[in-house]
Amino acid sequence: MLACSDASEKKPDHLLSEKDMALILIDAHLGEAGLLQIPRDRDSNQAYYARYMEIVYKKHKVDPKAFEESYKYYARDPKKLDA
């Protein structure tokens, strides 16, 4: 018996391109690395990172929900983001 395709493998309606996703992830990782260089408590780091990501979303003109859905999609097959 053949199984139906898993619904979680479906592409999100607003899937970001591989290139856009890679560029956003670069900015996210650079920001995270920078924020971790400054000694703060964990809650403060999370708050600063959330604010930083708002700036990244604006820079790339992307909706946070579209990023999150695309992130989950690409996380299942990270090789899609190899550039």
Protein backbone atom coordinates (compact mmCIF):
# COMPACT_ATOMS: atom_id res chain seq x y z
CA MET A 1 0.00 0.00 0.00
CA LEU A 2 1.38 3.41 -0.93
CA ALA A 3 1.25 6.17 1.62
CA CYS A 4 -0.07 9.55 0.64
CA SER A 5 2.37 12.42 0.60
CA ASP A 6 2.81 13.88 4.05
CA ALA A 7 1.04 17.24 4.37
CA SER A 8 4.08 18.64 6.21
CA GLU A 9 6.11 18.23 3.00
CA LYS A 10 3.79 20.60 1.12
CA LYS A 11 5.41 23.87 0.09
CA PRO A 12 4.12 26.87 2.03
CA ASP A 13 1.93 29.28 0.07
CA HIS A 14 4.47 32.08 0.50
CA LEU A 15 7.69 30.08 0.23
CA LEU A 16 10.75 32.30 0.11
CA SER A 17 13.23 31.57 -2.64
CA GLU A 18 16.35 29.63 -1.73
CA LYS A 19 18.46 32.72 -2.42
CA ASP A 20 16.29 35.01 -0.27
CA MET A 21 16.20 32.48 2.54
CA ALA A 22 19.98 32.10 2.49
CA LEU A 23 20.48 35.88 2.61
CA ILE A 24 18.07 36.25 5.54
CA LEU A 25 19.76 33.41 7.42
CA ILE A 26 23.16 35.03 6.89
CA ASP A 27 21.89 38.27 8.44
CA ALA A 28 20.21 36.36 11.27
CA HIS A 29 23.36 34.40 12.13
CA LEU A 30 25.60 37.47 11.94
CA GLY A 31 23.27 39.33 14.26
CA GLU A 32 23.06 36.44 16.68
CA ALA A 33 26.85 36.13 16.78
CA GLY A 34 27.20 39.84 17.44
CA LEU A 35 24.60 39.87 20.17
CA LEU A 36 26.25 36.97 21.96
CA GLN A 37 29.50 38.95 22.23
CA ILE A 38 27.88 41.34 24.70
CA PRO A 39 27.39 39.90 28.19
CA ARG A 40 23.67 39.96 29.04
CA ASP A 41 21.19 37.68 30.69
CA ARG A 42 19.34 35.23 28.47
CA ASP A 43 16.04 37.14 28.50
CA SER A 44 17.75 40.32 27.37
CA ASN A 45 19.55 38.50 24.55
CA GLN A 46 16.25 37.03 23.37
CA ALA A 47 14.60 40.45 23.40
CA TYR A 48 17.48 42.03 21.49
CA TYR A 49 17.47 39.18 18.97
CA ALA A 50 13.71 39.50 18.42
CA ARG A 51 14.16 43.23 17.74
CA TYR A 52 17.11 42.52 15.46
CA MET A 53 15.02 40.03 13.47
CA GLU A 54 12.31 42.67 13.01
CA ILE A 55 14.97 44.81 11.33
CA VAL A 56 16.11 41.86 9.18
CA TYR A 57 12.51 41.20 8.06
CA LYS A 58 12.11 44.85 7.09
CA LYS A 59 15.44 44.90 5.27
CA HIS A 60 14.45 41.87 3.20
CA LYS A 61 10.79 42.94 2.91
CA VAL A 62 9.57 39.62 4.26
CA ASP A 63 6.70 38.71 6.53
CA PRO A 64 7.87 36.92 9.71
CA LYS A 65 5.26 34.19 9.21
CA ALA A 66 6.49 33.57 5.65
CA PHE A 67 10.04 33.32 6.99
CA GLU A 68 9.01 30.88 9.73
CA GLU A 69 7.08 28.65 7.31
CA SER A 70 9.91 28.74 4.79
CA TYR A 71 12.44 27.98 7.54
CA LYS A 72 10.49 24.89 8.57
CA TYR A 73 10.20 23.80 4.94
CA TYR A 74 13.91 24.19 4.18
CA ALA A 75 14.91 22.65 7.53
CA ARG A 76 13.58 19.33 6.24
CA ASP A 77 16.10 19.46 3.37
CA PRO A 78 18.94 21.92 4.16
CA LYS A 79 20.82 20.99 0.98
CA LYS A 80 18.28 23.11 -0.90
CA LEU A 81 20.00 26.14 0.61
CA ASP A 82 23.52 25.21 -0.51
CA ALA A 83 24.82 28.00 -2.64
